[in-house]
Amino acid sequence: MTGQQTSRWQAIAQGLAEYYRAPYRQLLARAARDRDDLFRLLVFSEALGIPNPATPYTLELMPLMWDDFHDWHRRMGMPHSPLDHIRCC
């Protein structure tokens, strides 16, 4: 095959992949957000008063999660920060 034919087949393959992925993009994004929210709950669980056997491992991740904490607690239905020592609102 020539270079032009190869690029044409690649364009067709990309178009078909997009055609089949498009209806599920929102569903997959919501599933990824739910997975991330569950992970944040695991990381912040000790600070929220929920016993967590993986605390020594998740404490290292807390500083990385602070930036998204406000969006997370709002999505979880908490209008204000549930933590006394964290004021983000």
Protein backbone atom coordinates (compact mmCIF):
# COMPACT_ATOMS: atom_id res chain seq x y z
CA MET A 1 0.00 0.00 0.00
CA THR A 2 1.10 3.50 -0.63
CA GLY A 3 1.33 6.18 2.02
CA GLN A 4 -1.84 7.84 0.77
CA GLN A 5 -3.87 4.62 1.00
CA THR A 6 -2.54 3.93 4.49
CA SER A 7 -3.49 7.38 5.72
CA ARG A 8 -6.95 7.00 4.16
CA TRP A 9 -7.49 3.68 5.99
CA GLN A 10 -6.27 5.24 9.24
CA ALA A 11 -8.72 8.11 8.81
CA ILE A 12 -11.56 5.65 8.20
CA ALA A 13 -10.56 3.60 11.25
CA GLN A 14 -10.44 6.74 13.43
CA GLY A 15 -13.84 7.85 12.13
CA LEU A 16 -15.38 4.47 12.91
CA ALA A 17 -13.82 4.41 16.37
CA GLU A 18 -15.27 7.87 17.08
CA TYR A 19 -18.65 6.81 15.72
CA TYR A 20 -18.84 3.87 18.12
CA ARG A 21 -17.39 5.72 21.15
CA ALA A 22 -19.48 8.88 20.91
CA PRO A 23 -22.72 7.52 22.45
CA TYR A 24 -20.82 6.19 25.46
CA ARG A 25 -18.51 9.14 26.12
CA GLN A 26 -20.79 10.75 28.72
CA LEU A 27 -21.45 7.41 30.41
CA LEU A 28 -17.74 6.63 30.61
CA ALA A 29 -16.94 10.11 31.94
CA ARG A 30 -19.58 9.73 34.67
CA ALA A 31 -18.22 6.31 35.63
CA ALA A 32 -14.69 7.71 35.84
CA ARG A 33 -15.91 10.61 38.01
CA ASP A 34 -17.73 8.18 40.33
CA ARG A 35 -14.59 6.06 40.60
CA ASP A 36 -12.52 9.13 41.42
CA ASP A 37 -15.07 10.27 44.02
CA LEU A 38 -14.90 6.89 45.73
CA PHE A 39 -11.11 7.11 45.75
CA ARG A 40 -11.29 10.59 47.31
CA LEU A 41 -13.62 9.23 49.98
CA LEU A 42 -11.06 6.54 50.74
CA VAL A 43 -8.27 9.12 50.95
CA PHE A 44 -10.25 11.57 53.12
CA SER A 45 -12.03 8.91 55.19
CA GLU A 46 -9.78 9.18 58.25
CA ALA A 47 -10.18 12.96 58.30
CA LEU A 48 -13.96 12.49 58.04
CA GLY A 49 -13.99 10.10 61.02
CA ILE A 50 -14.40 6.89 59.06
CA PRO A 51 -11.95 4.17 60.12
CA ASN A 52 -9.61 3.29 57.29
CA PRO A 53 -7.14 0.41 57.48
CA ALA A 54 -5.13 1.90 54.60
CA THR A 55 -4.52 5.24 56.36
CA PRO A 56 -0.70 5.06 56.31
CA TYR A 57 -0.83 4.78 52.53
CA THR A 58 -3.58 7.28 51.85
CA LEU A 59 -2.12 10.02 54.05
CA GLU A 60 0.60 10.52 51.49
CA LEU A 61 -2.03 11.26 48.85
CA MET A 62 -3.98 13.90 50.79
CA PRO A 63 -1.81 16.89 49.71
CA LEU A 64 -2.37 15.90 46.09
CA MET A 65 -6.16 15.87 46.58
CA TRP A 66 -6.61 19.29 48.26
CA ASP A 67 -7.10 21.12 44.97
CA ASP A 68 -10.22 19.10 44.13
CA PHE A 69 -11.62 18.89 47.66
CA HIS A 70 -14.13 21.72 47.21
CA ASP A 71 -15.64 20.24 44.03
CA TRP A 72 -15.74 16.81 45.64
CA HIS A 73 -17.64 17.79 48.78
CA ARG A 74 -20.10 19.83 46.72
CA ARG A 75 -20.77 16.80 44.46
CA MET A 76 -21.29 14.67 47.55
CA GLY A 77 -24.07 17.02 48.68
CA MET A 78 -22.18 18.83 51.45
CA PRO A 79 -22.68 22.60 51.06
CA HIS A 80 -19.71 23.39 53.34
CA SER A 81 -16.49 21.61 54.10
CA PRO A 82 -17.14 18.67 56.47
CA LEU A 83 -13.71 19.10 58.01
CA ASP A 84 -13.22 21.65 60.78
CA HIS A 85 -9.61 22.35 59.91
CA ILE A 86 -10.23 22.82 56.17
CA ARG A 87 -12.12 25.90 55.05
CA CYS A 88 -12.53 25.96 51.32
CA CYS A 89 -15.93 27.65 51.00
